[in-house]
Amino acid sequence: MKLENEIHQSEFASEYTKVLLNILYTHSVLVTKINEVLIPHKITRQQYNVLRILRGQYPKSVQLGLIRERMLDKMSDASRMVDRLRIKGLVFKKADKKDRRSVAIGITPRGLKFLGSLEPVAKSMDDFIKTLTEEEAKG
């Protein structure tokens, strides 16, 4: 796949512009594919990212700041996302008894099971980019 064919443009201001456009185009293709495979599971890619962050911390719970810090999409509203996941029973929030402003967030057993059920989805995302050699994937 050549960028020129995909975006119907044959000339670029510079090779740097072409590289930037290629990165943006590739990002768009990947985001579209990820959204495609997650939509049937009624979860967004940002919510999936939050669940993976929390699974990585399991069995510990964490503060919202850690989730924000580790999220791939820095523009997402992590607080609202956690609330949506809590409503689905995939995460819990527990207020600190001494400091009510401090809230511990963790993944529930149901959230762990749900993430486990998404392993084939994660594999399909891996398979999507397996046109790269392992050496190319290492970057």
Protein backbone atom coordinates (compact mmCIF):
# COMPACT_ATOMS: atom_id res chain seq x y z
CA MET A 1 0.00 0.00 0.00
CA LYS A 2 1.45 3.30 -1.06
CA LEU A 3 0.37 6.46 0.70
CA GLU A 4 0.14 8.29 -2.61
CA ASN A 5 -2.51 5.84 -3.84
CA GLU A 6 -4.43 5.78 -0.57
CA ILE A 7 -4.83 9.55 -0.26
CA HIS A 8 -4.74 10.31 -4.01
CA GLN A 9 -1.83 12.70 -3.77
CA SER A 10 1.36 12.36 -5.74
CA GLU A 11 3.42 15.30 -4.50
CA PHE A 12 4.30 16.42 -1.00
CA ALA A 13 5.92 19.58 0.30
CA SER A 14 8.78 17.48 1.65
CA GLU A 15 9.66 13.95 2.69
CA TYR A 16 8.95 15.02 6.28
CA THR A 17 5.43 16.05 5.31
CA LYS A 18 4.97 12.70 3.60
CA VAL A 19 6.16 10.83 6.71
CA LEU A 20 3.82 12.86 8.93
CA LEU A 21 0.86 12.18 6.65
CA ASN A 22 1.77 8.51 6.53
CA ILE A 23 1.80 8.31 10.34
CA LEU A 24 -1.56 10.11 10.57
CA TYR A 25 -3.06 7.89 7.87
CA THR A 26 -1.77 4.73 9.55
CA HIS A 27 -3.14 5.91 12.91
CA SER A 28 -6.54 6.44 11.33
CA VAL A 29 -6.54 2.98 9.74
CA LEU A 30 -5.57 1.32 13.03
CA VAL A 31 -8.12 3.26 15.11
CA THR A 32 -10.86 2.36 12.62
CA LYS A 33 -9.92 -1.32 12.77
CA ILE A 34 -9.75 -1.35 16.58
CA ASN A 35 -13.14 0.37 16.82
CA GLU A 36 -14.58 -2.18 14.38
CA VAL A 37 -13.58 -5.13 16.53
CA LEU A 38 -14.61 -3.54 19.85
CA ILE A 39 -18.04 -2.18 18.87
CA PRO A 40 -19.77 -5.60 18.99
CA HIS A 41 -18.58 -5.89 22.62
CA LYS A 42 -20.12 -2.51 23.49
CA ILE A 43 -16.84 -1.01 24.63
CA THR A 44 -14.75 1.86 23.32
CA ARG A 45 -11.03 1.61 22.72
CA GLN A 46 -10.48 4.12 25.55
CA GLN A 47 -12.52 1.97 27.95
CA TYR A 48 -10.58 -1.09 26.78
CA ASN A 49 -7.38 0.80 27.54
CA VAL A 50 -8.60 1.66 31.06
CA LEU A 51 -9.48 -1.98 31.74
CA ARG A 52 -6.04 -3.11 30.56
CA ILE A 53 -4.37 -0.53 32.81
CA LEU A 54 -6.40 -1.73 35.79
CA ARG A 55 -5.71 -5.39 34.99
CA GLY A 56 -2.01 -4.54 34.98
CA GLN A 57 -2.35 -3.19 38.53
CA TYR A 58 -4.56 -6.03 39.80
CA PRO A 59 -5.09 -6.85 42.64
CA LYS A 60 -4.15 -3.33 43.70
CA SER A 61 -6.46 -0.41 43.14
CA VAL A 62 -5.18 2.92 41.82
CA GLN A 63 -5.97 6.61 41.77
CA LEU A 64 -7.51 8.26 38.72
CA GLY A 65 -4.26 10.15 38.11
CA LEU A 66 -2.38 6.93 37.38
CA ILE A 67 -5.02 5.92 34.83
CA ARG A 68 -4.84 9.33 33.13
CA GLU A 69 -1.05 9.14 33.09
CA ARG A 70 -1.00 5.74 31.40
CA MET A 71 -3.84 6.20 28.93
CA LEU A 72 -2.91 6.16 25.26
CA ASP A 73 -5.53 8.78 24.39
CA LYS A 74 -4.62 11.71 26.63
CA MET A 75 -7.68 13.69 25.53
CA SER A 76 -10.13 11.17 26.98
CA ASP A 77 -12.19 11.97 30.05
CA ALA A 78 -10.92 9.21 32.32
CA SER A 79 -13.31 10.05 35.14
CA ARG A 80 -16.41 9.64 33.00
CA MET A 81 -14.96 6.50 31.43
CA VAL A 82 -14.40 4.93 34.85
CA ASP A 83 -18.00 5.80 35.78
CA ARG A 84 -19.33 4.08 32.64
CA LEU A 85 -17.23 0.99 33.38
CA ARG A 86 -18.46 1.02 36.98
CA ILE A 87 -22.08 1.07 35.79
CA LYS A 88 -21.28 -2.01 33.67
CA GLY A 89 -19.85 -3.70 36.77
CA LEU A 90 -16.36 -3.93 35.26
CA VAL A 91 -14.60 -1.65 37.75
CA PHE A 92 -15.19 -0.42 41.29
CA LYS A 93 -14.63 2.90 42.99
CA LYS A 94 -14.05 3.14 46.71
CA ALA A 95 -13.75 6.42 48.60
CA ASP A 96 -10.93 6.75 51.12
CA LYS A 97 -12.40 6.97 54.63
CA LYS A 98 -9.88 9.62 55.70
CA ASP A 99 -9.83 11.70 52.50
CA ARG A 100 -13.14 11.53 50.63
CA ARG A 101 -11.55 13.28 47.64
CA SER A 102 -9.28 10.27 47.19
CA VAL A 103 -10.92 7.39 45.35
CA ALA A 104 -9.43 3.95 44.77
CA ILE A 105 -10.30 2.38 41.41
CA GLY A 106 -9.86 -1.28 40.56
CA ILE A 107 -11.01 -3.93 38.16
CA THR A 108 -13.73 -6.33 39.33
CA PRO A 109 -13.74 -10.09 38.77
CA ARG A 110 -16.38 -9.45 36.11
CA GLY A 111 -14.01 -6.94 34.47
CA LEU A 112 -11.21 -9.50 34.47
CA LYS A 113 -13.50 -12.09 32.91
CA PHE A 114 -14.70 -9.58 30.31
CA LEU A 115 -11.12 -8.70 29.37
CA GLY A 116 -10.32 -12.39 29.11
CA SER A 117 -13.22 -12.81 26.69
CA LEU A 118 -11.65 -10.07 24.55
CA GLU A 119 -8.38 -11.99 24.06
CA PRO A 120 -9.48 -13.17 20.58
CA VAL A 121 -10.21 -9.52 19.75
CA ALA A 122 -6.72 -8.52 20.90
CA LYS A 123 -5.29 -11.34 18.79
CA SER A 124 -7.23 -10.14 15.74
CA MET A 125 -5.67 -6.69 16.23
CA ASP A 126 -2.23 -8.32 16.32
CA ASP A 127 -3.08 -10.33 13.20
CA PHE A 128 -4.07 -7.12 11.42
CA ILE A 129 -0.50 -5.81 11.57
CA LYS A 130 1.30 -9.12 11.04
CA THR A 131 2.19 -8.01 7.54
CA LEU A 132 5.20 -6.48 9.29
CA THR A 133 8.18 -8.69 9.94
CA GLU A 134 9.05 -9.26 13.60
CA GLU A 135 12.17 -7.11 13.05
CA GLU A 136 10.05 -4.25 11.67
CA ALA A 137 7.63 -4.60 14.61
CA LYS A 138 10.54 -4.21 17.06
CA GLY A 139 11.18 -0.87 15.34
